């Protein structure tokens, strides 16, 4: 699996804006911003930003996509919760 890339961050006062390929991926404020800045300074910045934005891949996406439950099939939500309760 390739390493994450394309992330950048900009500190604006007490706010940190993380972008991925020039699109805003996360905005951190206050304590969370300070925690992020401490972590990004001590590790691999690209990996840290990927984790903080939720773009961190675990490698199981293909397996989950192939599961019968996730294939679709055009039946909507499988009849669960579709309709009125009364």
N, C-alpha and C. Protein backbone atom coordinates (compact mmCIF):
# COMPACT_ATOMS: atom_id res chain seq x y z
N UNK A 1 0.84 -1.17 0.00
CA UNK A 1 0.00 0.00 0.00
C UNK A 1 0.90 1.24 0.00
N UNK A 2 0.63 2.19 -0.88
CA UNK A 2 1.47 3.38 -0.94
C UNK A 2 1.25 4.28 0.28
N UNK A 3 2.27 5.03 0.60
CA UNK A 3 2.19 5.96 1.71
C UNK A 3 1.27 7.12 1.34
N UNK A 4 0.58 7.71 2.33
CA UNK A 4 -0.28 8.85 2.03
C UNK A 4 0.53 10.03 1.51
N UNK A 5 -0.07 10.79 0.61
CA UNK A 5 0.60 11.98 0.08
C UNK A 5 -0.44 13.01 -0.32
N UNK A 6 0.00 14.22 -0.57
CA UNK A 6 -0.90 15.27 -1.03
C UNK A 6 -1.51 16.10 0.09
N UNK A 7 -1.12 15.84 1.34
CA UNK A 7 -1.66 16.60 2.46
C UNK A 7 -0.79 17.81 2.76
N UNK A 8 -1.43 18.88 3.19
CA UNK A 8 -0.75 20.08 3.66
C UNK A 8 -1.56 20.65 4.80
N UNK A 9 -0.93 21.42 5.67
CA UNK A 9 -1.69 22.09 6.70
C UNK A 9 -1.21 23.52 6.84
N UNK A 10 -2.12 24.35 7.32
CA UNK A 10 -1.82 25.77 7.52
C UNK A 10 -2.37 26.18 8.88
N UNK A 11 -1.54 26.82 9.67
CA UNK A 11 -1.96 27.30 10.98
C UNK A 11 -2.42 28.74 10.86
N UNK A 12 -3.65 29.00 11.30
CA UNK A 12 -4.23 30.35 11.26
C UNK A 12 -4.69 30.70 12.67
N UNK A 13 -3.82 31.31 13.44
CA UNK A 13 -4.14 31.64 14.82
C UNK A 13 -4.26 30.37 15.64
N UNK A 14 -5.42 30.13 16.26
CA UNK A 14 -5.62 28.91 17.03
C UNK A 14 -6.32 27.83 16.21
N UNK A 15 -6.37 28.01 14.89
CA UNK A 15 -7.02 27.06 13.99
C UNK A 15 -5.99 26.46 13.04
N UNK A 16 -6.16 25.16 12.75
CA UNK A 16 -5.32 24.48 11.77
C UNK A 16 -6.24 23.93 10.68
N UNK A 17 -5.93 24.25 9.44
CA UNK A 17 -6.70 23.75 8.30
C UNK A 17 -5.84 22.74 7.56
N UNK A 18 -6.36 21.51 7.43
CA UNK A 18 -5.65 20.44 6.72
C UNK A 18 -6.31 20.29 5.36
N UNK A 19 -5.49 20.31 4.30
CA UNK A 19 -6.01 20.13 2.95
C UNK A 19 -5.41 18.87 2.32
N UNK A 20 -6.15 18.30 1.39
CA UNK A 20 -5.67 17.16 0.62
C UNK A 20 -5.89 17.50 -0.84
N UNK A 21 -4.81 17.60 -1.58
CA UNK A 21 -4.84 18.03 -2.99
C UNK A 21 -5.62 19.35 -3.12
N UNK A 22 -5.31 20.31 -2.25
CA UNK A 22 -5.83 21.67 -2.27
C UNK A 22 -7.31 21.77 -1.92
N UNK A 23 -7.90 20.72 -1.35
CA UNK A 23 -9.28 20.78 -0.88
C UNK A 23 -9.29 20.59 0.63
N UNK A 24 -10.09 21.37 1.32
CA UNK A 24 -10.13 21.28 2.77
C UNK A 24 -10.62 19.91 3.19
N UNK A 25 -9.82 19.25 4.04
CA UNK A 25 -10.16 17.92 4.53
C UNK A 25 -10.58 17.96 5.99
N UNK A 26 -10.04 18.90 6.77
CA UNK A 26 -10.39 19.02 8.19
C UNK A 26 -10.00 20.40 8.69
N UNK A 27 -10.76 20.88 9.66
CA UNK A 27 -10.44 22.12 10.35
C UNK A 27 -10.41 21.82 11.84
N UNK A 28 -9.28 22.09 12.47
CA UNK A 28 -9.10 21.80 13.89
C UNK A 28 -8.96 23.12 14.64
N UNK A 29 -9.59 23.18 15.80
CA UNK A 29 -9.54 24.41 16.60
C UNK A 29 -9.15 24.10 18.04
N UNK A 30 -8.58 25.08 18.69
CA UNK A 30 -8.30 25.00 20.12
C UNK A 30 -7.36 23.87 20.49
N UNK A 31 -7.79 23.07 21.47
CA UNK A 31 -6.97 21.98 22.00
C UNK A 31 -6.66 20.91 20.97
N UNK A 32 -7.63 20.62 20.11
CA UNK A 32 -7.38 19.61 19.07
C UNK A 32 -6.30 20.08 18.11
N UNK A 33 -6.30 21.38 17.79
CA UNK A 33 -5.28 21.93 16.90
C UNK A 33 -3.91 21.83 17.54
N UNK A 34 -3.81 22.14 18.83
CA UNK A 34 -2.53 22.05 19.53
C UNK A 34 -2.04 20.61 19.60
N UNK A 35 -2.95 19.69 19.85
CA UNK A 35 -2.58 18.26 19.91
C UNK A 35 -2.07 17.80 18.54
N UNK A 36 -2.76 18.23 17.47
CA UNK A 36 -2.33 17.88 16.12
C UNK A 36 -0.94 18.42 15.83
N UNK A 37 -0.70 19.69 16.16
CA UNK A 37 0.61 20.30 15.88
C UNK A 37 1.73 19.58 16.61
N UNK A 38 1.47 19.14 17.83
CA UNK A 38 2.49 18.38 18.58
C UNK A 38 2.76 17.04 17.91
N UNK A 39 1.70 16.40 17.43
CA UNK A 39 1.86 15.08 16.81
C UNK A 39 2.51 15.18 15.43
N UNK A 40 2.14 16.18 14.64
CA UNK A 40 2.68 16.30 13.29
C UNK A 40 4.17 16.64 13.34
N UNK A 41 4.61 17.30 14.40
CA UNK A 41 6.02 17.65 14.53
C UNK A 41 6.89 16.49 14.96
N UNK A 42 6.28 15.43 15.49
CA UNK A 42 7.07 14.31 16.02
C UNK A 42 7.02 13.05 15.17
N UNK A 43 6.25 13.05 14.08
CA UNK A 43 6.14 11.84 13.26
C UNK A 43 6.13 12.18 11.79
N UNK A 44 5.71 11.20 10.98
CA UNK A 44 5.59 11.39 9.54
C UNK A 44 4.39 12.30 9.28
N UNK A 45 4.61 13.53 8.82
CA UNK A 45 3.50 14.48 8.67
C UNK A 45 2.37 13.98 7.76
N UNK A 46 2.70 13.32 6.66
CA UNK A 46 1.65 12.83 5.75
C UNK A 46 0.77 11.78 6.43
N UNK A 47 1.37 10.88 7.14
CA UNK A 47 0.63 9.83 7.83
C UNK A 47 -0.23 10.42 8.95
N UNK A 48 0.33 11.36 9.68
CA UNK A 48 -0.41 12.01 10.77
C UNK A 48 -1.63 12.75 10.21
N UNK A 49 -1.45 13.50 9.12
CA UNK A 49 -2.57 14.24 8.53
C UNK A 49 -3.62 13.28 7.98
N UNK A 50 -3.19 12.17 7.39
CA UNK A 50 -4.15 11.18 6.88
C UNK A 50 -4.98 10.63 8.03
N UNK A 51 -4.36 10.34 9.15
CA UNK A 51 -5.09 9.82 10.30
C UNK A 51 -6.07 10.85 10.86
N UNK A 52 -5.64 12.08 10.99
CA UNK A 52 -6.50 13.11 11.56
C UNK A 52 -7.68 13.46 10.67
N UNK A 53 -7.55 13.26 9.37
CA UNK A 53 -8.66 13.58 8.46
C UNK A 53 -9.56 12.39 8.20
N UNK A 54 -9.19 11.22 8.67
CA UNK A 54 -10.00 10.04 8.44
C UNK A 54 -9.72 9.40 7.10
N UNK A 55 -8.68 9.82 6.41
CA UNK A 55 -8.34 9.27 5.11
C UNK A 55 -7.35 8.11 5.24
N UNK A 56 -7.21 7.59 6.44
CA UNK A 56 -6.24 6.52 6.69
C UNK A 56 -6.83 5.20 6.24
N UNK A 57 -6.17 4.50 5.34
CA UNK A 57 -6.67 3.25 4.80
C UNK A 57 -6.10 2.07 5.56
N UNK A 58 -6.94 1.11 5.81
CA UNK A 58 -6.51 -0.08 6.55
C UNK A 58 -6.30 -1.28 5.64
N UNK A 59 -6.63 -1.19 4.37
CA UNK A 59 -6.39 -2.28 3.45
C UNK A 59 -7.54 -3.26 3.33
N UNK A 60 -8.63 -3.06 4.07
CA UNK A 60 -9.73 -4.00 4.00
C UNK A 60 -10.89 -3.50 3.14
N UNK A 61 -10.71 -2.38 2.44
CA UNK A 61 -11.80 -1.82 1.66
C UNK A 61 -12.24 -2.76 0.54
N UNK A 62 -11.28 -3.39 -0.12
CA UNK A 62 -11.63 -4.29 -1.23
C UNK A 62 -12.42 -5.48 -0.70
N UNK A 63 -12.00 -6.04 0.42
CA UNK A 63 -12.70 -7.17 1.01
C UNK A 63 -14.13 -6.79 1.37
N UNK A 64 -14.31 -5.63 1.98
CA UNK A 64 -15.65 -5.19 2.36
C UNK A 64 -16.51 -4.91 1.14
N UNK A 65 -15.93 -4.36 0.09
CA UNK A 65 -16.70 -4.05 -1.11
C UNK A 65 -17.23 -5.31 -1.77
N UNK A 66 -16.50 -6.41 -1.66
CA UNK A 66 -16.90 -7.67 -2.29
C UNK A 66 -17.90 -8.46 -1.46
N UNK A 67 -18.16 -8.07 -0.23
CA UNK A 67 -19.10 -8.80 0.61
C UNK A 67 -20.51 -8.70 0.02
N UNK A 68 -21.29 -9.79 0.01
CA UNK A 68 -22.63 -9.75 -0.60
C UNK A 68 -23.52 -8.64 -0.06
N UNK A 69 -23.39 -8.31 1.19
CA UNK A 69 -24.21 -7.26 1.79
C UNK A 69 -23.93 -5.90 1.16
N UNK A 70 -22.72 -5.70 0.67
CA UNK A 70 -22.32 -4.39 0.14
C UNK A 70 -22.34 -4.31 -1.38
N UNK A 71 -22.76 -5.33 -2.04
CA UNK A 71 -22.75 -5.33 -3.51
C UNK A 71 -23.90 -4.56 -4.13
N UNK A 72 -24.91 -4.29 -3.37
CA UNK A 72 -26.06 -3.59 -3.95
C UNK A 72 -27.09 -4.60 -4.39
N UNK A 73 -27.55 -4.50 -5.60
CA UNK A 73 -28.53 -5.44 -6.10
C UNK A 73 -29.86 -4.78 -6.39
N UNK A 74 -29.98 -3.50 -6.09
CA UNK A 74 -31.17 -2.77 -6.47
C UNK A 74 -32.38 -2.99 -5.60
N UNK A 75 -32.24 -3.55 -4.42
CA UNK A 75 -33.38 -3.80 -3.57
C UNK A 75 -33.52 -2.76 -2.47
N UNK A 76 -32.90 -1.63 -2.64
CA UNK A 76 -33.03 -0.58 -1.63
C UNK A 76 -32.32 -0.95 -0.34
N UNK A 77 -33.04 -0.82 0.77
CA UNK A 77 -32.41 -1.11 2.05
C UNK A 77 -32.80 -2.49 2.57
N UNK A 78 -33.27 -3.37 1.71
CA UNK A 78 -33.57 -4.73 2.11
C UNK A 78 -34.87 -4.87 2.89
N UNK A 79 -35.72 -3.84 2.84
CA UNK A 79 -37.01 -3.92 3.51
C UNK A 79 -36.96 -3.49 4.97
N UNK A 80 -35.81 -3.17 5.48
CA UNK A 80 -35.72 -2.76 6.88
C UNK A 80 -36.01 -1.28 6.99
N UNK A 81 -37.02 -0.96 7.74
CA UNK A 81 -37.34 0.43 8.00
C UNK A 81 -37.98 1.16 6.85
N UNK A 82 -38.40 0.44 5.81
CA UNK A 82 -39.00 1.10 4.66
C UNK A 82 -40.51 1.08 4.82
N UNK A 83 -41.09 2.16 5.08
CA UNK A 83 -42.53 2.21 5.25
C UNK A 83 -42.91 2.82 6.58
N UNK A 84 -44.20 2.93 6.77
CA UNK A 84 -44.69 3.58 7.98
C UNK A 84 -44.85 2.60 9.11
N UNK A 85 -44.61 3.11 10.25
CA UNK A 85 -44.88 2.32 11.45
C UNK A 85 -46.15 2.86 12.07
N UNK A 86 -46.96 2.01 12.55
CA UNK A 86 -48.18 2.55 13.08
C UNK A 86 -48.93 1.68 13.91
